[in-house]
Amino acid sequence: MKKTFSSKITLRKMDTGLSTTEARESQVSTSGLRDSRSSTGIEDSADKTGNRNRNNEKYKNKNRNRNRNRNRNKDKKTDRKEENKSKPVTDGEEEGPKVFQAKSRRQKNNNEANRKNNSKEINEDEQKQTAKRQDEISQCVHNLSDFKLFKKGRHVTSFGYRISVMTDSGKSTHNVLFHIPLDYPKAPIKLAMRSNEEVSPYMDIVIMNFNWKARQLAKENWRILSQINYLISEFEILKQANYKQIDKLRNSFYKTV
């Protein structure tokens, strides 16, 4: 009986020894797990904080770059405004580019040159026309003793002349006026009667027919003296009411000869 009891006691001691060792081993294993977990948690938290810091730095750099770009754009806008303000203004408008200015300057110079050339040509034509008119008037004054100045107007100069013509009823004399425009020979001369002169019944027809013929004679460059000679030599035909038809037939006949 005593042996059995002692053996039980020894078994219990062994069991308790094993349990204590197992408990120690379990404590050691759990502590190791705790240490490893705590170390991994610290590393994870460190990584998170590092990533968070890097992200914050990137965000800060982005904000810095954005602010720099904004400031640059603002500076450019202000510089442009100052340049526009500093540009001189002509006629209420800003000066255009240099190319546009050069082009407009060339066009202006060309227009001025064309105007000058046209004005020169006009002046030369007017001078030639005036010289021709004066030369023909001087010729009439020199060759016709009764050809004298009657009235000088703004657009027309009138000369009086006494024509003596032979008619069927005998010799007739008429005091007439020749109106010579200032732009002769572009405009033809015109025949008229003096206001205080008695007008024969046929003189109205003569005046009408001669003024119609004078347009043609001016285009054919007949001188004023030659036109007056035509009036005297063709006086009887100019008296005819159908003078225009007679003149057209005569012209067609002379063309065929």
Protein backbone atom coordinates (compact mmCIF):
# COMPACT_ATOMS: atom_id res chain seq x y z
CA MET A 1 0.00 0.00 0.00
CA LYS A 2 2.71 2.45 0.73
CA LYS A 3 4.43 1.76 -2.58
CA THR A 4 1.44 2.45 -4.62
CA PHE A 5 0.84 5.78 -2.92
CA SER A 6 4.37 6.90 -3.46
CA SER A 7 4.25 5.95 -7.07
CA LYS A 8 1.16 8.07 -7.50
CA ILE A 9 2.89 10.94 -5.89
CA THR A 10 5.81 10.66 -8.23
CA LEU A 11 3.47 10.53 -11.21
CA ARG A 12 1.72 13.64 -10.03
CA LYS A 13 5.04 15.40 -9.64
CA MET A 14 6.02 14.41 -13.13
CA ASP A 15 2.70 15.65 -14.45
CA THR A 16 3.06 18.92 -12.69
CA GLY A 17 6.62 19.24 -14.00
CA LEU A 18 5.45 18.64 -17.50
CA SER A 19 2.63 21.07 -17.11
CA THR A 20 4.95 23.78 -15.83
CA THR A 21 7.40 23.22 -18.65
CA GLU A 22 4.60 23.25 -21.20
CA ALA A 23 3.24 26.40 -19.66
CA ARG A 24 6.64 28.00 -19.86
CA GLU A 25 7.05 26.89 -23.43
CA SER A 26 3.60 28.24 -24.29
CA GLN A 27 4.45 31.52 -22.59
CA VAL A 28 7.67 31.73 -24.56
CA SER A 29 5.87 30.96 -27.84
CA THR A 30 3.11 33.46 -27.14
CA SER A 31 5.58 36.09 -26.14
CA GLY A 32 7.50 35.43 -29.39
CA LEU A 33 4.31 35.80 -31.36
CA ARG A 34 3.54 38.97 -29.53
CA ASP A 35 6.98 40.34 -30.20
CA SER A 36 6.78 39.40 -33.86
CA ARG A 37 3.31 40.90 -34.14
CA SER A 38 4.38 44.06 -32.39
CA SER A 39 7.46 44.36 -34.65
CA THR A 40 5.41 43.80 -37.81
CA GLY A 41 2.84 46.30 -36.57
CA ILE A 42 5.56 48.85 -35.96
CA GLU A 43 7.01 48.22 -39.40
CA ASP A 44 3.56 48.54 -41.01
CA SER A 45 2.86 51.73 -39.18
CA ALA A 46 6.28 53.06 -40.16
CA ASP A 47 5.62 52.20 -43.79
CA LYS A 48 2.21 53.84 -43.64
CA THR A 49 3.60 56.98 -42.09
CA GLY A 50 6.41 57.02 -44.68
CA ASN A 51 3.97 56.64 -47.55
CA ARG A 52 1.75 59.27 -46.00
CA ASN A 53 4.67 61.67 -45.71
CA ARG A 54 5.74 61.01 -49.31
CA ASN A 55 2.17 61.60 -50.51
CA ASN A 56 2.04 64.81 -48.52
CA GLU A 57 5.31 65.97 -50.07
CA LYS A 58 4.02 65.12 -53.58
CA TYR A 59 0.80 67.01 -52.87
CA LYS A 60 2.78 69.96 -51.56
CA ASN A 61 5.03 69.90 -54.65
CA LYS A 62 1.96 69.82 -56.91
CA ASN A 63 0.48 72.77 -55.09
CA ARG A 64 3.78 74.63 -55.34
CA ASN A 65 4.02 73.99 -59.08
CA ARG A 66 0.41 74.99 -59.57
CA ASN A 67 0.93 78.20 -57.64
CA ARG A 68 4.11 78.93 -59.62
CA ASN A 69 2.26 78.46 -62.92
CA ARG A 70 -0.56 80.70 -61.76
CA ASN A 71 1.90 83.38 -60.72
CA ARG A 72 3.70 83.09 -64.06
CA ASN A 73 0.45 83.42 -66.00
CA LYS A 74 -0.52 86.42 -63.90
CA ASP A 75 2.87 88.02 -64.56
CA LYS A 76 2.49 87.38 -68.31
CA LYS A 77 -0.97 88.93 -68.36
CA THR A 78 0.21 91.98 -66.47
CA ASP A 79 3.20 92.32 -68.81
CA ARG A 80 0.90 92.14 -71.86
CA LYS A 81 -1.42 94.74 -70.39
CA GLU A 82 1.52 97.04 -69.67
CA GLU A 83 2.84 96.53 -73.23
CA ASN A 84 -0.57 97.34 -74.70
CA LYS A 85 -0.82 100.43 -72.53
CA SER A 86 2.68 101.53 -73.51
CA LYS A 87 1.90 101.25 -77.27
CA PRO A 88 1.20 104.61 -78.95
CA VAL A 89 -2.33 105.22 -80.16
CA THR A 90 -3.12 106.90 -83.48
CA ASP A 91 -6.64 108.00 -84.50
CA GLY A 92 -8.19 106.08 -81.63
CA GLU A 93 -6.76 102.75 -82.81
CA GLU A 94 -3.70 100.73 -81.74
CA GLU A 95 -0.87 100.32 -84.21
CA GLY A 96 -0.95 97.04 -86.04
CA PRO A 97 1.97 94.72 -86.76
CA LYS A 98 4.95 95.94 -88.69
CA VAL A 99 3.93 93.93 -91.75
CA PHE A 100 0.50 95.52 -91.84
CA GLN A 101 2.03 98.97 -91.39
CA ALA A 102 4.48 98.40 -94.23
CA LYS A 103 1.69 97.11 -96.50
CA SER A 104 -0.59 100.05 -95.72
CA ARG A 105 2.33 102.44 -96.24
CA ARG A 106 3.04 100.93 -99.67
CA GLN A 107 -0.62 101.15 -100.64
CA LYS A 108 -0.74 104.76 -99.51
CA ASN A 109 2.37 105.60 -101.50
CA ASN A 110 0.98 103.84 -104.58
CA ASN A 111 -2.31 105.69 -104.27
CA GLU A 112 -0.54 109.00 -103.90
CA ALA A 113 1.67 108.22 -106.89
CA ASN A 114 -1.38 107.27 -108.98
CA ARG A 115 -3.17 110.46 -107.95
CA LYS A 116 -0.13 112.52 -108.84
CA ASN A 117 0.19 110.81 -112.21
CA ASN A 118 -3.50 111.26 -112.94
CA SER A 119 -3.38 114.90 -111.90
CA LYS A 120 -0.32 115.43 -114.10
CA GLU A 121 -2.09 113.82 -117.05
CA ILE A 122 -5.22 115.89 -116.43
CA ASN A 123 -3.17 119.06 -116.15
CA GLU A 124 -1.29 118.24 -119.34
CA ASP A 125 -4.55 117.54 -121.20
CA GLU A 126 -6.09 120.75 -119.90
CA GLN A 127 -3.02 122.72 -120.90
CA LYS A 128 -3.07 121.26 -124.41
CA GLN A 129 -6.80 121.87 -124.70
CA THR A 130 -6.47 125.49 -123.51
CA ALA A 131 -3.58 126.12 -125.87
CA LYS A 132 -5.52 124.70 -128.83
CA ARG A 133 -8.58 126.79 -127.98
CA GLN A 134 -6.58 130.00 -127.64
CA ASP A 135 -4.69 129.33 -130.86
CA GLU A 136 -7.88 128.87 -132.87
CA ILE A 137 -9.46 132.01 -131.37
CA SER A 138 -6.35 134.02 -132.21
CA GLN A 139 -6.56 132.70 -135.77
CA CYS A 140 -10.17 133.89 -136.08
CA VAL A 141 -9.31 137.34 -134.68
CA HIS A 142 -6.39 137.65 -137.06
CA ASN A 143 -8.28 136.57 -140.21
CA LEU A 144 -11.76 137.92 -139.49
CA SER A 145 -11.88 141.69 -138.93
CA ASP A 146 -15.39 141.61 -137.43
CA PHE A 147 -14.64 138.74 -135.06
CA LYS A 148 -14.54 140.45 -131.64
CA LEU A 149 -14.99 139.57 -127.99
CA PHE A 150 -18.54 140.09 -126.82
CA LYS A 151 -18.75 138.53 -123.34
CA LYS A 152 -16.53 136.42 -121.14
CA GLY A 153 -18.37 134.08 -118.79
CA ARG A 154 -17.39 131.39 -116.28
CA HIS A 155 -17.90 128.52 -118.72
CA VAL A 156 -18.29 130.17 -122.14
CA THR A 157 -16.61 133.01 -124.03
CA SER A 158 -18.82 134.73 -126.62
CA PHE A 159 -17.54 136.43 -129.78
CA GLY A 160 -19.61 138.59 -132.09
CA TYR A 161 -19.36 138.38 -135.84
CA ARG A 162 -21.20 139.86 -138.83
CA ILE A 163 -21.80 137.32 -141.59
CA SER A 164 -22.68 138.44 -145.12
CA VAL A 165 -24.14 135.73 -147.33
CA MET A 166 -25.68 135.59 -150.81
CA THR A 167 -29.19 134.22 -150.88
CA ASP A 168 -31.80 133.77 -153.58
CA SER A 169 -33.26 137.15 -152.66
CA GLY A 170 -29.85 138.85 -152.67
CA LYS A 171 -27.13 139.65 -150.16
CA SER A 172 -28.06 139.43 -146.45
CA THR A 173 -26.12 140.43 -143.35
CA HIS A 174 -26.63 138.97 -139.87
CA ASN A 175 -24.98 139.83 -136.57
CA VAL A 176 -24.45 136.52 -134.81
CA LEU A 177 -22.68 135.21 -131.71
CA PHE A 178 -20.32 132.25 -131.44
CA HIS A 179 -20.27 130.72 -127.95
CA ILE A 180 -16.94 128.94 -127.41
CA PRO A 181 -16.88 126.77 -124.25
CA LEU A 182 -13.83 126.73 -122.02
CA ASP A 183 -13.53 122.96 -122.51
CA TYR A 184 -13.47 123.27 -126.30
CA PRO A 185 -12.79 121.12 -128.34
CA LYS A 186 -14.42 118.55 -126.07
CA ALA A 187 -17.60 120.63 -126.25
CA PRO A 188 -18.61 122.13 -129.63
CA ILE A 189 -19.15 125.80 -130.41
CA LYS A 190 -22.72 127.12 -130.67
CA LEU A 191 -24.30 129.68 -132.96
CA ALA A 192 -26.83 132.20 -131.60
CA MET A 193 -28.36 135.54 -132.49
CA ARG A 194 -27.91 138.74 -130.57
CA SER A 195 -30.85 139.72 -128.44
CA ASN A 196 -31.39 143.07 -130.21
CA GLU A 197 -31.11 141.57 -133.70
CA GLU A 198 -34.12 141.00 -135.91
CA VAL A 199 -34.33 137.32 -136.63
CA SER A 200 -35.30 136.19 -140.09
CA PRO A 201 -37.75 133.28 -140.32
CA TYR A 202 -35.05 130.96 -141.67
CA MET A 203 -32.34 131.91 -139.13
CA ASP A 204 -33.86 129.67 -136.48
CA ILE A 205 -33.48 126.74 -138.88
CA VAL A 206 -29.91 127.78 -139.76
CA ILE A 207 -28.93 127.97 -136.06
CA MET A 208 -30.49 124.62 -135.26
CA ASN A 209 -28.85 122.85 -138.21
CA PHE A 210 -25.44 124.45 -137.71
CA ASN A 211 -25.32 123.54 -133.99
CA TRP A 212 -26.17 119.94 -134.91
CA LYS A 213 -23.39 119.91 -137.54
CA ALA A 214 -20.89 121.59 -135.19
CA ARG A 215 -20.85 118.48 -132.97
CA GLN A 216 -19.67 116.40 -135.90
CA LEU A 217 -17.13 119.00 -137.01
CA ALA A 218 -15.62 119.17 -133.50
CA LYS A 219 -15.17 115.37 -133.46
CA GLU A 220 -13.47 115.60 -136.86
CA ASN A 221 -11.08 118.27 -135.45
CA TRP A 222 -12.28 121.12 -137.63
CA ARG A 223 -10.84 124.42 -136.49
CA ILE A 224 -13.19 127.27 -135.48
CA LEU A 225 -12.24 129.31 -138.56
CA SER A 226 -13.10 126.35 -140.82
CA GLN A 227 -16.45 125.94 -139.10
CA ILE A 228 -17.30 129.63 -139.67
CA ASN A 229 -16.37 129.22 -143.33
CA TYR A 230 -18.65 126.17 -143.48
CA LEU A 231 -21.52 128.29 -142.09
CA ILE A 232 -21.04 130.94 -144.80
CA SER A 233 -20.47 128.54 -147.70
CA GLU A 234 -23.31 126.15 -146.79
CA PHE A 235 -25.76 128.83 -145.65
CA GLU A 236 -28.37 128.01 -148.32
CA ILE A 237 -28.34 124.30 -147.47
CA LEU A 238 -28.47 125.04 -143.73
CA LYS A 239 -31.70 126.95 -144.38
CA GLN A 240 -33.39 123.73 -145.48
CA ALA A 241 -35.69 122.04 -143.00
CA ASN A 242 -34.51 118.60 -144.19
CA TYR A 243 -30.83 119.54 -143.86
CA LYS A 244 -29.97 116.47 -141.75
CA GLN A 245 -31.18 114.08 -144.46
CA ILE A 246 -29.30 116.03 -147.16
CA ASP A 247 -26.11 115.98 -145.09
CA LYS A 248 -26.34 112.22 -144.48
CA LEU A 249 -26.83 111.58 -148.22
CA ARG A 250 -23.86 113.79 -149.06
CA ASN A 251 -21.65 112.01 -146.54
CA SER A 252 -22.61 108.57 -147.82
CA PHE A 253 -21.94 109.75 -151.38
CA TYR A 254 -18.48 111.08 -150.53
CA LYS A 255 -17.63 107.80 -148.83
CA THR A 256 -18.44 105.79 -151.94
CA VAL A 257 -16.40 108.02 -154.24
